C-alpha atoms as a PDB file:
ATOM      1  CA  UNK A   1     -14.611  22.719-121.691  1.00  0.00           C
ATOM      2  CA  UNK A   2     -16.566  21.116-118.880  1.00  0.00           C
ATOM      3  CA  UNK A   3     -13.820  18.637-117.889  1.00  0.00           C
ATOM      4  CA  UNK A   4     -13.820  19.398-114.159  1.00  0.00           C
ATOM      5  CA  UNK A   5     -12.695  22.258-111.923  1.00  0.00           C
ATOM      6  CA  UNK A   6      -8.972  21.657-112.546  1.00  0.00           C
ATOM      7  CA  UNK A   7      -9.340  22.494-116.232  1.00  0.00           C
ATOM      8  CA  UNK A   8     -10.354  26.076-115.475  1.00  0.00           C
ATOM      9  CA  UNK A   9     -13.527  25.547-117.520  1.00  0.00           C
ATOM     10  CA  UNK A  10     -15.494  23.329-115.156  1.00  0.00           C
ATOM     11  CA  UNK A  11     -18.919  23.753-113.513  1.00  0.00           C
ATOM     12  CA  UNK A  12     -20.737  25.888-116.154  1.00  0.00           C
ATOM     13  CA  UNK A  13     -18.119  25.275-118.853  1.00  0.00           C
ATOM     14  CA  UNK A  14     -17.677  28.948-119.694  1.00  0.00           C
ATOM     15  CA  UNK A  15     -21.360  29.484-120.437  1.00  0.00           C
ATOM     16  CA  UNK A  16     -22.242  31.338-117.261  1.00  0.00           C
ATOM     17  CA  UNK A  17     -25.299  30.341-115.228  1.00  0.00           C
ATOM     18  CA  UNK A  18     -28.784  29.961-116.694  1.00  0.00           C
ATOM     19  CA  UNK A  19     -30.268  31.830-119.627  1.00  0.00           C
ATOM     20  CA  UNK A  20     -30.820  31.225-123.312  1.00  0.00           C
ATOM     21  CA  UNK A  21     -27.128  31.162-124.216  1.00  0.00           C
ATOM     22  CA  UNK A  22     -26.291  28.549-121.574  1.00  0.00           C
ATOM     23  CA  UNK A  23     -28.634  25.919-123.016  1.00  0.00           C
ATOM     24  CA  UNK A  24     -27.676  23.473-125.732  1.00  0.00           C
ATOM     25  CA  UNK A  25     -28.933  24.730-129.090  1.00  0.00           C
ATOM     26  CA  UNK A  26     -29.568  28.082-127.406  1.00  0.00           C
ATOM     27  CA  UNK A  27     -28.779  31.520-128.757  1.00  0.00           C
ATOM     28  CA  UNK A  28     -30.269  33.908-131.259  1.00  0.00           C
ATOM     29  CA  UNK A  29     -29.969  33.867-135.047  1.00  0.00           C
ATOM     30  CA  UNK A  30     -27.247  36.051-136.624  1.00  0.00           C
ATOM     31  CA  UNK A  31     -29.994  38.365-137.988  1.00  0.00           C
ATOM     32  CA  UNK A  32     -31.686  38.923-134.621  1.00  0.00           C
ATOM     33  CA  UNK A  33     -31.423  42.536-133.467  1.00  0.00           C
ATOM     34  CA  UNK A  34     -33.037  42.377-130.058  1.00  0.00           C
ATOM     35  CA  UNK A  35     -36.605  42.464-131.354  1.00  0.00           C
ATOM     36  CA  UNK A  36     -36.030  45.544-133.536  1.00  0.00           C
ATOM     37  CA  UNK A  37     -37.085  45.025-137.174  1.00  0.00           C
ATOM     38  CA  UNK A  38     -33.947  43.446-138.695  1.00  0.00           C
ATOM     39  CA  UNK A  39     -31.985  45.217-141.414  1.00  0.00           C
ATOM     40  CA  UNK A  40     -32.640  42.279-143.738  1.00  0.00           C
ATOM     41  CA  UNK A  41     -36.383  42.958-143.534  1.00  0.00           C
ATOM     42  CA  UNK A  42     -36.061  46.764-143.699  1.00  0.00           C
ATOM     43  CA  UNK A  43     -34.272  46.748-147.064  1.00  0.00           C
ATOM     44  CA  UNK A  44     -36.092  46.200-150.340  1.00  0.00           C
ATOM     45  CA  UNK A  45     -35.801  42.706-151.791  1.00  0.00           C
ATOM     46  CA  UNK A  46     -33.416  42.707-154.735  1.00  0.00           C
ATOM     47  CA  UNK A  47     -34.431  40.690-157.749  1.00  0.00           C
ATOM     48  CA  UNK A  48     -32.468  39.402-160.710  1.00  0.00           C
ATOM     49  CA  UNK A  49     -28.707  39.628-161.055  1.00  0.00           C
ATOM     50  CA  UNK A  50     -25.959  41.689-162.684  1.00  0.00           C
ATOM     51  CA  UNK A  51     -24.225  40.025-165.597  1.00  0.00           C
ATOM     52  CA  UNK A  52     -20.525  40.656-164.977  1.00  0.00           C
ATOM     53  CA  UNK A  53     -19.635  39.568-168.528  1.00  0.00           C
ATOM     54  CA  UNK A  54     -21.867  42.195-170.195  1.00  0.00           C
ATOM     55  CA  UNK A  55     -20.193  44.219-172.947  1.00  0.00           C
ATOM     56  CA  UNK A  56     -20.927  47.933-172.683  1.00  0.00           C
ATOM     57  CA  UNK A  57     -20.910  49.844-175.975  1.00  0.00           C
ATOM     58  CA  UNK A  58     -20.396  53.463-176.956  1.00  0.00           C
ATOM     59  CA  UNK A  59     -23.606  54.149-178.872  1.00  0.00           C
ATOM     60  CA  UNK A  60     -23.906  56.388-181.962  1.00  0.00           C
ATOM     61  CA  UNK A  61     -27.134  56.991-183.865  1.00  0.00           C
ATOM     62  CA  UNK A  62     -27.140  57.119-187.678  1.00  0.00           C
ATOM     63  CA  UNK A  63     -28.639  60.635-187.619  1.00  0.00           C
ATOM     64  CA  UNK A  64     -25.569  62.014-185.810  1.00  0.00           C
ATOM     65  CA  UNK A  65     -23.295  60.927-188.702  1.00  0.00           C
ATOM     66  CA  UNK A  66     -24.529  63.897-190.791  1.00  0.00           C
ATOM     67  CA  UNK A  67     -21.520  65.810-189.364  1.00  0.00           C
ATOM     68  CA  UNK A  68     -19.186  63.988-191.742  1.00  0.00           C
ATOM     69  CA  UNK A  69     -18.556  64.853-195.385  1.00  0.00           C
ATOM     70  CA  UNK A  70     -19.911  62.410-198.016  1.00  0.00           C
ATOM     71  CA  UNK A  71     -17.660  59.460-198.941  1.00  0.00           C
ATOM     72  CA  UNK A  72     -15.744  59.615-195.626  1.00  0.00           C
ATOM     73  CA  UNK A  73     -14.414  56.523-193.883  1.00  0.00           C
ATOM     74  CA  UNK A  74     -15.554  56.742-190.256  1.00  0.00           C
ATOM     75  CA  UNK A  75     -13.884  54.759-187.493  1.00  0.00           C
ATOM     76  CA  UNK A  76     -13.647  54.986-183.715  1.00  0.00           C
ATOM     77  CA  UNK A  77     -10.922  57.669-183.813  1.00  0.00           C
ATOM     78  CA  UNK A  78     -12.990  59.983-186.027  1.00  0.00           C
ATOM     79  CA  UNK A  79     -16.066  59.536-183.817  1.00  0.00           C
ATOM     80  CA  UNK A  80     -13.968  60.424-180.767  1.00  0.00           C
ATOM     81  CA  UNK A  81     -12.482  63.444-182.555  1.00  0.00           C
ATOM     82  CA  UNK A  82     -15.981  64.831-183.351  1.00  0.00           C
ATOM     83  CA  UNK A  83     -17.188  64.135-179.794  1.00  0.00           C
ATOM     84  CA  UNK A  84     -19.811  61.542-180.785  1.00  0.00           C
ATOM     85  CA  UNK A  85     -18.334  59.015-178.342  1.00  0.00           C
ATOM     86  CA  UNK A  86     -16.668  59.778-175.012  1.00  0.00           C
ATOM     87  CA  UNK A  87     -14.177  56.926-174.745  1.00  0.00           C
ATOM     88  CA  UNK A  88     -12.087  54.792-177.081  1.00  0.00           C
ATOM     89  CA  UNK A  89     -12.015  51.986-174.490  1.00  0.00           C
ATOM     90  CA  UNK A  90     -15.553  50.770-175.248  1.00  0.00           C
ATOM     91  CA  UNK A  91     -16.512  49.142-178.545  1.00  0.00           C
ATOM     92  CA  UNK A  92     -18.806  51.169-180.840  1.00  0.00           C
ATOM     93  CA  UNK A  93     -22.364  50.225-181.774  1.00  0.00           C
ATOM     94  CA  UNK A  94     -24.294  52.140-184.440  1.00  0.00           C
ATOM     95  CA  UNK A  95     -28.064  52.396-183.926  1.00  0.00           C
ATOM     96  CA  UNK A  96     -30.708  53.320-186.500  1.00  0.00           C
ATOM     97  CA  UNK A  97     -32.313  56.451-185.021  1.00  0.00           C
ATOM     98  CA  UNK A  98     -32.371  59.429-187.395  1.00  0.00           C
ATOM     99  CA  UNK A  99     -31.900  59.786-191.154  1.00  0.00           C
ATOM    100  CA  UNK A 100     -28.798  59.577-193.334  1.00  0.00           C
ATOM    101  CA  UNK A 101     -28.636  61.194-196.786  1.00  0.00           C
ATOM    102  CA  UNK A 102     -24.967  60.710-197.686  1.00  0.00           C
ATOM    103  CA  UNK A 103     -22.822  57.699-198.499  1.00  0.00           C
ATOM    104  CA  UNK A 104     -20.377  56.921-195.716  1.00  0.00           C
ATOM    105  CA  UNK A 105     -18.173  53.944-194.936  1.00  0.00           C
ATOM    106  CA  UNK A 106     -18.583  53.197-191.240  1.00  0.00           C
ATOM    107  CA  UNK A 107     -16.317  50.823-189.321  1.00  0.00           C
ATOM    108  CA  UNK A 108     -17.702  49.702-185.955  1.00  0.00           C
ATOM    109  CA  UNK A 109     -17.934  46.592-183.787  1.00  0.00           C
ATOM    110  CA  UNK A 110     -21.719  46.279-184.127  1.00  0.00           C
ATOM    111  CA  UNK A 111     -24.657  47.649-186.121  1.00  0.00           C
ATOM    112  CA  UNK A 112     -28.371  47.355-185.479  1.00  0.00           C
ATOM    113  CA  UNK A 113     -30.402  45.965-188.389  1.00  0.00           C
ATOM    114  CA  UNK A 114     -32.093  49.335-189.064  1.00  0.00           C
ATOM    115  CA  UNK A 115     -28.757  51.198-188.944  1.00  0.00           C
ATOM    116  CA  UNK A 116     -27.246  48.826-191.500  1.00  0.00           C
ATOM    117  CA  UNK A 117     -30.289  49.198-193.736  1.00  0.00           C
ATOM    118  CA  UNK A 118     -30.209  53.037-193.586  1.00  0.00           C
ATOM    119  CA  UNK A 119     -26.464  53.228-194.254  1.00  0.00           C
ATOM    120  CA  UNK A 120     -26.680  50.904-197.273  1.00  0.00           C
ATOM    121  CA  UNK A 121     -29.800  52.611-198.667  1.00  0.00           C
ATOM    122  CA  UNK A 122     -27.894  55.934-198.580  1.00  0.00           C
ATOM    123  CA  UNK A 123     -25.169  54.303-200.701  1.00  0.00           C
ATOM    124  CA  UNK A 124     -22.684  53.696-197.894  1.00  0.00           C
ATOM    125  CA  UNK A 125     -21.088  50.616-196.339  1.00  0.00           C
ATOM    126  CA  UNK A 126     -21.327  49.217-192.818  1.00  0.00           C
ATOM    127  CA  UNK A 127     -18.153  47.282-191.991  1.00  0.00           C
ATOM    128  CA  UNK A 128     -18.030  45.217-188.820  1.00  0.00           C
ATOM    129  CA  UNK A 129     -14.572  45.429-187.267  1.00  0.00           C
ATOM    130  CA  UNK A 130     -13.370  42.451-185.196  1.00  0.00           C
ATOM    131  CA  UNK A 131     -15.002  41.057-182.082  1.00  0.00           C
ATOM    132  CA  UNK A 132     -16.208  43.381-179.362  1.00  0.00           C
ATOM    133  CA  UNK A 133     -13.564  44.095-176.739  1.00  0.00           C
ATOM    134  CA  UNK A 134     -14.377  43.210-173.145  1.00  0.00           C
ATOM    135  CA  UNK A 135     -14.238  46.173-170.805  1.00  0.00           C
END
């Protein structure tokens, strides 16, 4: 570029004549849209981030376990069978909302503190099964 007429890119060196784009350091920013309010400014500012390593659980409340007969061993398959969880791909977490009046043995990946307390006070057992599977 700009190495004389014989090079084919002499005189203006392919920049044309005059104007902002012909000058050194000239040109507009990549976000410039001809004076229109740029897309970057029109969109809402996004804050925070999405944790890609987050483990998503299938959640079951203690109150929903009333469907089972007393002294039953409840695992992921039984919860799926009764329709309390929608997928067997996610690990199960038992939360403490609701009341439980029967003794049940529940096998799940995680339990909230209140869920564990309610299950044990009803005479049941809360068994944590292995580490939570990543999705």
